[in-house]
PDB file of N, CA and C in Angstrom:
ATOM      1  N   UNK A   1       0.772  -1.136  -0.041  1.00  0.00           N
ATOM      2  CA  UNK A   1       0.021  -0.074   0.025  1.00  0.00           C
ATOM      3  C   UNK A   1       0.805   1.273   0.136  1.00  0.00           C
ATOM      4  N   UNK A   2       1.168   1.785  -1.307  1.00  0.00           N
ATOM      5  CA  UNK A   2       2.102   3.087  -1.351  1.00  0.00           C
ATOM      6  C   UNK A   2       0.903   4.208  -1.235  1.00  0.00           C
ATOM      7  N   UNK A   3       1.196   5.229  -0.472  1.00  0.00           N
ATOM      8  CA  UNK A   3       0.281   6.345  -0.694  1.00  0.00           C
ATOM      9  C   UNK A   3       1.287   7.792  -0.567  1.00  0.00           C
ATOM     10  N   UNK A   4       0.510   8.470  -1.245  1.00  0.00           N
ATOM     11  CA  UNK A   4       1.437   9.949  -1.183  1.00  0.00           C
ATOM     12  C   UNK A   4       0.494  11.096  -1.485  1.00  0.00           C
ATOM     13  N   UNK A   5       0.885  12.195  -0.749  1.00  0.00           N
ATOM     14  CA  UNK A   5       0.115  13.435  -0.860  1.00  0.00           C
ATOM     15  C   UNK A   5       0.776  14.500  -0.385  1.00  0.00           C
ATOM     16  N   UNK A   6      -0.079  15.615  -0.498  1.00  0.00           N
ATOM     17  CA  UNK A   6       0.373  16.865  -0.115  1.00  0.00           C
ATOM     18  C   UNK A   6       0.304  17.269   1.349  1.00  0.00           C
ATOM     19  N   UNK A   7       1.202  17.521   2.193  1.00  0.00           N
ATOM     20  CA  UNK A   7       1.039  17.874   3.510  1.00  0.00           C
ATOM     21  C   UNK A   7       0.863  19.251   3.804  1.00  0.00           C
ATOM     22  N   UNK A   8      -0.274  19.777   4.165  1.00  0.00           N
ATOM     23  CA  UNK A   8      -0.655  21.417   4.172  1.00  0.00           C
ATOM     24  C   UNK A   8      -0.725  21.753   5.771  1.00  0.00           C
ATOM     25  N   UNK A   9      -0.988  20.625   6.878  1.00  0.00           N
ATOM     26  CA  UNK A   9      -1.046  21.061   7.923  1.00  0.00           C
ATOM     27  C   UNK A   9      -0.719  19.779   9.069  1.00  0.00           C
ATOM     28  N   UNK A  10      -0.609  20.253  10.238  1.00  0.00           N
ATOM     29  CA  UNK A  10      -0.482  19.264  11.152  1.00  0.00           C
ATOM     30  C   UNK A  10      -0.975  18.122  11.349  1.00  0.00           C
ATOM     31  N   UNK A  11      -2.443  18.231  11.151  1.00  0.00           N
ATOM     32  CA  UNK A  11      -3.254  16.953  11.053  1.00  0.00           C
ATOM     33  C   UNK A  11      -3.051  16.020   9.888  1.00  0.00           C
ATOM     34  N   UNK A  12      -2.761  16.698   8.600  1.00  0.00           N
ATOM     35  CA  UNK A  12      -2.471  15.846   7.405  1.00  0.00           C
ATOM     36  C   UNK A  12      -0.886  15.191   7.665  1.00  0.00           C
ATOM     37  N   UNK A  13      -0.134  15.969   8.296  1.00  0.00           N
ATOM     38  CA  UNK A  13       1.222  15.237   8.776  1.00  0.00           C
ATOM     39  C   UNK A  13       0.992  14.025   9.668  1.00  0.00           C
ATOM     40  N   UNK A  14       0.089  14.339  10.626  1.00  0.00           N
ATOM     41  CA  UNK A  14       0.018  13.150  11.651  1.00  0.00           C
ATOM     42  C   UNK A  14      -0.689  12.064  10.687  1.00  0.00           C
ATOM     43  N   UNK A  15      -1.585  12.328  10.005  1.00  0.00           N
ATOM     44  CA  UNK A  15      -2.296  11.246   9.119  1.00  0.00           C
ATOM     45  C   UNK A  15      -1.167  10.373   8.560  1.00  0.00           C
ATOM     46  N   UNK A  16      -0.610  10.990   7.785  1.00  0.00           N
ATOM     47  CA  UNK A  16       0.494  10.182   6.869  1.00  0.00           C
ATOM     48  C   UNK A  16       1.518   9.605   7.783  1.00  0.00           C
ATOM     49  N   UNK A  17       1.975   9.914   8.993  1.00  0.00           N
ATOM     50  CA  UNK A  17       2.843   9.440   9.947  1.00  0.00           C
ATOM     51  C   UNK A  17       2.186   8.251  10.481  1.00  0.00           C
ATOM     52  N   UNK A  18       0.946   8.158  10.791  1.00  0.00           N
ATOM     53  CA  UNK A  18       0.050   7.266  11.339  1.00  0.00           C
ATOM     54  C   UNK A  18       0.166   6.029  10.228  1.00  0.00           C
ATOM     55  N   UNK A  19      -0.174   6.520   9.101  1.00  0.00           N
ATOM     56  CA  UNK A  19      -0.274   5.595   7.822  1.00  0.00           C
ATOM     57  C   UNK A  19       0.916   4.653   7.818  1.00  0.00           C
ATOM     58  N   UNK A  20       2.155   5.390   7.937  1.00  0.00           N
ATOM     59  CA  UNK A  20       3.485   4.992   7.688  1.00  0.00           C
ATOM     60  C   UNK A  20       3.814   4.054   8.828  1.00  0.00           C
ATOM     61  N   UNK A  21       3.401   4.228  10.211  1.00  0.00           N
ATOM     62  CA  UNK A  21       3.519   3.345  11.169  1.00  0.00           C
ATOM     63  C   UNK A  21       2.785   2.027  11.243  1.00  0.00           C
ATOM     64  N   UNK A  22       1.364   2.296  10.431  1.00  0.00           N
ATOM     65  CA  UNK A  22       0.875   1.156  10.386  1.00  0.00           C
ATOM     66  C   UNK A  22       1.093  -0.060   9.266  1.00  0.00           C
ATOM     67  N   UNK A  23       1.566   0.718   8.189  1.00  0.00           N
ATOM     68  CA  UNK A  23       2.200  -0.188   7.149  1.00  0.00           C
ATOM     69  C   UNK A  23       3.494  -0.676   7.486  1.00  0.00           C
ATOM     70  N   UNK A  24       4.005  -0.061   8.460  1.00  0.00           N
ATOM     71  CA  UNK A  24       5.306  -0.893   9.017  1.00  0.00           C
ATOM     72  C   UNK A  24       5.142  -1.821  10.015  1.00  0.00           C
ATOM     73  N   UNK A  25       3.822  -1.890  10.146  1.00  0.00           N
ATOM     74  CA  UNK A  25       3.485  -3.057  11.202  1.00  0.00           C
ATOM     75  C   UNK A  25       3.678  -2.896  12.846  1.00  0.00           C
ATOM     76  N   UNK A  26       3.983  -1.136  13.064  1.00  0.00           N
ATOM     77  CA  UNK A  26       4.289  -0.900  14.423  1.00  0.00           C
ATOM     78  C   UNK A  26       3.072  -0.430  15.295  1.00  0.00           C
ATOM     79  N   UNK A  27       3.162  -0.739  16.318  1.00  0.00           N
ATOM     80  CA  UNK A  27       2.161   0.049  17.400  1.00  0.00           C
ATOM     81  C   UNK A  27       2.293   1.455  17.717  1.00  0.00           C
ATOM     82  N   UNK A  28       1.836   2.218  18.320  1.00  0.00           N
ATOM     83  CA  UNK A  28       2.298   3.547  18.677  1.00  0.00           C
ATOM     84  C   UNK A  28       3.265   3.157  19.741  1.00  0.00           C
ATOM     85  N   UNK A  29       3.071   2.210  20.660  1.00  0.00           N
ATOM     86  CA  UNK A  29       3.919   1.769  22.006  1.00  0.00           C
ATOM     87  C   UNK A  29       5.495   1.350  21.225  1.00  0.00           C
ATOM     88  N   UNK A  30       5.341   0.635  20.247  1.00  0.00           N
ATOM     89  CA  UNK A  30       6.345   0.007  19.475  1.00  0.00           C
ATOM     90  C   UNK A  30       7.358   1.095  19.266  1.00  0.00           C
ATOM     91  N   UNK A  31       6.712   2.118  18.307  1.00  0.00           N
ATOM     92  CA  UNK A  31       7.553   2.874  17.678  1.00  0.00           C
ATOM     93  C   UNK A  31       7.849   3.971  18.640  1.00  0.00           C
ATOM     94  N   UNK A  32       7.301   4.185  19.786  1.00  0.00           N
ATOM     95  CA  UNK A  32       7.852   4.942  20.918  1.00  0.00           C
ATOM     96  C   UNK A  32       9.113   4.258  21.470  1.00  0.00           C
ATOM     97  N   UNK A  33       9.001   2.983  21.663  1.00  0.00           N
ATOM     98  CA  UNK A  33      10.106   2.473  22.230  1.00  0.00           C
ATOM     99  C   UNK A  33      11.364   2.651  21.346  1.00  0.00           C
ATOM    100  N   UNK A  34      11.106   2.404  20.021  1.00  0.00           N
ATOM    101  CA  UNK A  34      12.213   2.666  19.072  1.00  0.00           C
ATOM    102  C   UNK A  34      12.837   4.016  19.325  1.00  0.00           C
ATOM    103  N   UNK A  35      12.030   4.954  19.227  1.00  0.00           N
ATOM    104  CA  UNK A  35      12.372   6.458  19.319  1.00  0.00           C
ATOM    105  C   UNK A  35      13.028   6.722  20.655  1.00  0.00           C
ATOM    106  N   UNK A  36      12.823   5.973  21.658  1.00  0.00           N
ATOM    107  CA  UNK A  36      12.877   6.358  23.062  1.00  0.00           C
ATOM    108  C   UNK A  36      12.257   7.573  23.431  1.00  0.00           C
ATOM    109  N   UNK A  37      10.838   7.726  23.320  1.00  0.00           N
ATOM    110  CA  UNK A  37       9.974   8.390  23.680  1.00  0.00           C
ATOM    111  C   UNK A  37       8.513   7.728  24.337  1.00  0.00           C
ATOM    112  N   UNK A  38       7.590   8.182  24.613  1.00  0.00           N
ATOM    113  CA  UNK A  38       6.584   7.702  25.097  1.00  0.00           C
ATOM    114  C   UNK A  38       5.466   7.533  24.308  1.00  0.00           C
ATOM    115  N   UNK A  39       4.517   6.593  24.280  1.00  0.00           N
ATOM    116  CA  UNK A  39       3.383   6.641  23.459  1.00  0.00           C
ATOM    117  C   UNK A  39       2.287   7.652  23.420  1.00  0.00           C
ATOM    118  N   UNK A  40       2.226   8.606  24.393  1.00  0.00           N
ATOM    119  CA  UNK A  40       1.488   9.772  24.368  1.00  0.00           C
ATOM    120  C   UNK A  40       1.903  10.933  23.574  1.00  0.00           C
ATOM    121  N   UNK A  41       3.450  10.892  23.334  1.00  0.00           N
ATOM    122  CA  UNK A  41       3.938  11.802  22.063  1.00  0.00           C
ATOM    123  C   UNK A  41       3.475  11.291  20.833  1.00  0.00           C
ATOM    124  N   UNK A  42       3.626   9.890  20.401  1.00  0.00           N
ATOM    125  CA  UNK A  42       3.661   9.274  19.168  1.00  0.00           C
ATOM    126  C   UNK A  42       1.902   9.784  18.788  1.00  0.00           C
ATOM    127  N   UNK A  43       0.867   9.340  19.767  1.00  0.00           N
ATOM    128  CA  UNK A  43      -0.333   9.785  19.718  1.00  0.00           C
ATOM    129  C   UNK A  43      -0.510  11.244  19.317  1.00  0.00           C
ATOM    130  N   UNK A  44       0.042  12.218  20.042  1.00  0.00           N
ATOM    131  CA  UNK A  44      -0.299  13.711  20.185  1.00  0.00           C
ATOM    132  C   UNK A  44       0.334  14.077  18.522  1.00  0.00           C
ATOM    133  N   UNK A  45       1.336  13.395  18.108  1.00  0.00           N
ATOM    134  CA  UNK A  45       1.953  13.703  16.569  1.00  0.00           C
ATOM    135  C   UNK A  45       0.866  13.344  15.669  1.00  0.00           C
ATOM    136  N   UNK A  46       0.364  11.925  15.962  1.00  0.00           N
ATOM    137  CA  UNK A  46      -0.451  11.346  14.667  1.00  0.00           C
ATOM    138  C   UNK A  46      -1.915  11.983  14.661  1.00  0.00           C
ATOM    139  N   UNK A  47      -2.151  12.576  16.067  1.00  0.00           N
ATOM    140  CA  UNK A  47      -3.744  13.295  16.229  1.00  0.00           C
ATOM    141  C   UNK A  47      -3.458  14.694  15.410  1.00  0.00           C
ATOM    142  N   UNK A  48      -2.654  15.107  15.156  1.00  0.00           N
ATOM    143  CA  UNK A  48      -2.123  16.285  14.481  1.00  0.00           C
ATOM    144  C   UNK A  48      -2.415  17.423  15.510  1.00  0.00           C
ATOM    145  N   UNK A  49      -1.907  17.016  16.833  1.00  0.00           N
ATOM    146  CA  UNK A  49      -1.650  18.273  17.839  1.00  0.00           C
ATOM    147  C   UNK A  49      -0.936  19.132  17.325  1.00  0.00           C
ATOM    148  N   UNK A  50      -1.255  20.521  17.152  1.00  0.00           N
ATOM    149  CA  UNK A  50      -0.341  21.390  16.798  1.00  0.00           C
ATOM    150  C   UNK A  50       0.665  22.083  17.815  1.00  0.00           C
ATOM    151  N   UNK A  51       1.766  22.301  17.504  1.00  0.00           N
ATOM    152  CA  UNK A  51       2.727  22.749  18.511  1.00  0.00           C
ATOM    153  C   UNK A  51       3.417  24.042  17.739  1.00  0.00           C
ATOM    154  N   UNK A  52       3.824  24.797  18.518  1.00  0.00           N
ATOM    155  CA  UNK A  52       4.386  25.994  17.896  1.00  0.00           C
ATOM    156  C   UNK A  52       5.533  25.845  16.991  1.00  0.00           C
ATOM    157  N   UNK A  53       6.183  24.930  17.073  1.00  0.00           N
ATOM    158  CA  UNK A  53       7.031  24.594  16.091  1.00  0.00           C
ATOM    159  C   UNK A  53       6.332  24.273  14.750  1.00  0.00           C
ATOM    160  N   UNK A  54       5.317  23.130  15.064  1.00  0.00           N
ATOM    161  CA  UNK A  54       4.715  23.018  13.445  1.00  0.00           C
ATOM    162  C   UNK A  54       3.851  24.228  12.964  1.00  0.00           C
ATOM    163  N   UNK A  55       3.407  24.925  13.759  1.00  0.00           N
ATOM    164  CA  UNK A  55       2.513  25.821  13.325  1.00  0.00           C
ATOM    165  C   UNK A  55       3.369  26.788  12.625  1.00  0.00           C
ATOM    166  N   UNK A  56       4.551  27.216  13.202  1.00  0.00           N
ATOM    167  CA  UNK A  56       5.495  28.281  12.243  1.00  0.00           C
ATOM    168  C   UNK A  56       5.937  27.608  10.948  1.00  0.00           C
ATOM    169  N   UNK A  57       6.404  26.292  11.014  1.00  0.00           N
ATOM    170  CA  UNK A  57       6.514  25.711   9.751  1.00  0.00           C
ATOM    171  C   UNK A  57       5.687  25.707   8.719  1.00  0.00           C
ATOM    172  N   UNK A  58       4.525  25.296   9.068  1.00  0.00           N
ATOM    173  CA  UNK A  58       3.514  25.480   8.050  1.00  0.00           C
ATOM    174  C   UNK A  58       3.152  27.032   7.816  1.00  0.00           C
ATOM    175  N   UNK A  59       3.232  27.843   8.841  1.00  0.00           N
ATOM    176  CA  UNK A  59       3.119  29.367   8.415  1.00  0.00           C
ATOM    177  C   UNK A  59       4.092  29.802   7.319  1.00  0.00           C
ATOM    178  N   UNK A  60       5.349  29.461   7.527  1.00  0.00           N
ATOM    179  CA  UNK A  60       6.485  29.694   6.654  1.00  0.00           C
ATOM    180  C   UNK A  60       6.011  28.926   5.243  1.00  0.00           C
ATOM    181  N   UNK A  61       5.724  27.889   5.269  1.00  0.00           N
ATOM    182  CA  UNK A  61       5.374  27.217   3.923  1.00  0.00           C
ATOM    183  C   UNK A  61       4.252  28.037   3.209  1.00  0.00           C
ATOM    184  N   UNK A  62       3.561  28.379   4.015  1.00  0.00           N
ATOM    185  CA  UNK A  62       2.321  28.795   3.431  1.00  0.00           C
ATOM    186  C   UNK A  62       2.642  30.368   2.741  1.00  0.00           C
ATOM    187  N   UNK A  63       3.572  31.080   3.249  1.00  0.00           N
ATOM    188  CA  UNK A  63       3.949  32.479   2.984  1.00  0.00           C
ATOM    189  C   UNK A  63       5.156  32.317   2.025  1.00  0.00           C
ATOM    190  N   UNK A  64       5.747  31.041   1.906  1.00  0.00           N
ATOM    191  CA  UNK A  64       6.790  31.196   0.826  1.00  0.00           C
ATOM    192  C   UNK A  64       6.635  30.380  -0.272  1.00  0.00           C
ATOM    193  N   UNK A  65       5.309  29.616  -0.331  1.00  0.00           N
ATOM    194  CA  UNK A  65       5.013  28.879  -1.454  1.00  0.00           C
ATOM    195  C   UNK A  65       5.542  27.558  -1.458  1.00  0.00           C
ATOM    196  N   UNK A  66       6.023  27.208  -0.210  1.00  0.00           N
ATOM    197  CA  UNK A  66       6.895  25.924  -0.434  1.00  0.00           C
ATOM    198  C   UNK A  66       5.678  24.568   0.073  1.00  0.00           C
ATOM    199  N   UNK A  67       5.937  23.501  -0.734  1.00  0.00           N
ATOM    200  CA  UNK A  67       4.806  22.519  -0.649  1.00  0.00           C
ATOM    201  C   UNK A  67       5.651  21.312  -0.161  1.00  0.00           C
ATOM    202  N   UNK A  68       4.984  20.404   0.856  1.00  0.00           N
ATOM    203  CA  UNK A  68       5.479  19.406   1.233  1.00  0.00           C
ATOM    204  C   UNK A  68       4.718  18.219   0.816  1.00  0.00           C
ATOM    205  N   UNK A  69       5.402  17.103   0.151  1.00  0.00           N
ATOM    206  CA  UNK A  69       4.887  15.861  -0.234  1.00  0.00           C
ATOM    207  C   UNK A  69       5.420  14.945   0.517  1.00  0.00           C
ATOM    208  N   UNK A  70       4.487  13.729   1.062  1.00  0.00           N
ATOM    209  CA  UNK A  70       5.217  12.748   1.833  1.00  0.00           C
ATOM    210  C   UNK A  70       4.694  11.672   0.802  1.00  0.00           C
ATOM    211  N   UNK A  71       5.603  10.507   0.860  1.00  0.00           N
ATOM    212  CA  UNK A  71       5.157   9.027   0.157  1.00  0.00           C
ATOM    213  C   UNK A  71       5.188   8.122   1.163  1.00  0.00           C
ATOM    214  N   UNK A  72       4.293   7.219   1.503  1.00  0.00           N
ATOM    215  CA  UNK A  72       4.212   6.126   2.264  1.00  0.00           C
ATOM    216  C   UNK A  72       4.863   5.145   1.644  1.00  0.00           C
ATOM    217  N   UNK A  73       6.084   4.451   1.727  1.00  0.00           N
ATOM    218  CA  UNK A  73       6.738   3.305   1.032  1.00  0.00           C
ATOM    219  C   UNK A  73       6.110   2.133   1.781  1.00  0.00           C
ATOM    220  N   UNK A  74       6.127   0.952   0.586  1.00  0.00           N
ATOM    221  CA  UNK A  74       5.447  -0.395   1.033  1.00  0.00           C
ATOM    222  C   UNK A  74       6.610  -0.768   2.254  1.00  0.00           C
ATOM    223  N   UNK A  75       6.164  -1.629   3.059  1.00  0.00           N
ATOM    224  CA  UNK A  75       7.000  -2.186   3.998  1.00  0.00           C
ATOM    225  C   UNK A  75       7.999  -3.047   3.600  1.00  0.00           C
ATOM    226  N   UNK A  76       8.263  -3.508   2.081  1.00  0.00           N
ATOM    227  CA  UNK A  76       9.315  -3.968   1.772  1.00  0.00           C
ATOM    228  C   UNK A  76      10.462  -3.147   1.237  1.00  0.00           C
ATOM    229  N   UNK A  77      10.023  -1.596   0.863  1.00  0.00           N
ATOM    230  CA  UNK A  77      11.220  -0.870   0.555  1.00  0.00           C
ATOM    231  C   UNK A  77      11.994  -0.601   1.784  1.00  0.00           C
ATOM    232  N   UNK A  78      13.176  -0.019   1.553  1.00  0.00           N
ATOM    233  CA  UNK A  78      14.189   0.384   2.357  1.00  0.00           C
ATOM    234  C   UNK A  78      13.599   1.529   3.250  1.00  0.00           C
ATOM    235  N   UNK A  79      13.907   1.598   4.453  1.00  0.00           N
ATOM    236  CA  UNK A  79      13.322   2.821   5.296  1.00  0.00           C
ATOM    237  C   UNK A  79      14.622   3.549   5.983  1.00  0.00           C
ATOM    238  N   UNK A  80      14.672   4.384   6.650  1.00  0.00           N
ATOM    239  CA  UNK A  80      15.587   5.147   7.396  1.00  0.00           C
ATOM    240  C   UNK A  80      16.588   5.952   6.722  1.00  0.00           C
ATOM    241  N   UNK A  81      16.399   6.299   5.395  1.00  0.00           N
ATOM    242  CA  UNK A  81      17.211   7.116   4.593  1.00  0.00           C
ATOM    243  C   UNK A  81      16.432   8.324   4.472  1.00  0.00           C
ATOM    244  N   UNK A  82      16.999   9.781   4.457  1.00  0.00           N
ATOM    245  CA  UNK A  82      16.477  10.708   3.929  1.00  0.00           C
ATOM    246  C   UNK A  82      16.675  10.902   2.515  1.00  0.00           C
ATOM    247  N   UNK A  83      15.443  11.378   1.927  1.00  0.00           N
ATOM    248  CA  UNK A  83      15.393  11.460   0.621  1.00  0.00           C
ATOM    249  C   UNK A  83      15.162  12.919   0.017  1.00  0.00           C
ATOM    250  N   UNK A  84      15.966  13.366  -0.637  1.00  0.00           N
ATOM    251  CA  UNK A  84      15.940  14.953  -1.016  1.00  0.00           C
ATOM    252  C   UNK A  84      16.017  14.825  -2.518  1.00  0.00           C
ATOM    253  N   UNK A  85      14.978  15.220  -3.357  1.00  0.00           N
ATOM    254  CA  UNK A  85      14.987  15.584  -4.607  1.00  0.00           C
ATOM    255  C   UNK A  85      15.540  16.866  -4.921  1.00  0.00           C
ATOM    256  N   UNK A  86      16.581  17.125  -5.700  1.00  0.00           N
ATOM    257  CA  UNK A  86      17.103  18.473  -6.100  1.00  0.00           C
ATOM    258  C   UNK A  86      16.570  18.918  -7.410  1.00  0.00           C
ATOM    259  N   UNK A  87      16.113  20.065  -7.568  1.00  0.00           N
ATOM    260  CA  UNK A  87      15.409  20.770  -8.758  1.00  0.00           C
ATOM    261  C   UNK A  87      16.638  21.074  -9.672  1.00  0.00           C
ATOM    262  N   UNK A  88      16.322  21.046 -10.828  1.00  0.00           N
ATOM    263  CA  UNK A  88      17.275  21.193 -11.983  1.00  0.00           C
ATOM    264  C   UNK A  88      17.172  22.737 -12.404  1.00  0.00           C
ATOM    265  N   UNK A  89      16.204  23.567 -11.608  1.00  0.00           N
ATOM    266  CA  UNK A  89      16.504  24.776 -11.773  1.00  0.00           C
ATOM    267  C   UNK A  89      16.864  25.711 -11.011  1.00  0.00           C
TER     268      UNK A  89
END
């Protein structure tokens, strides 16, 4: 199940992260353990709880015309690598 879409809000970011976690076969607690945080934090992020940092990031994106797209890879794809696509212009 690969999914992709534009992320315009903390809520959309949370939904994409939740779907990625589910595709990876992880529970919130399992992901929290891997990240050395607690399950409540994972829940808050996935629920789209807006933080001042996310609020500012999305405000900057709106003001500058920057768009964020996310893709959820199939669980068989490699994970854990940063992917940056450079424009040719």
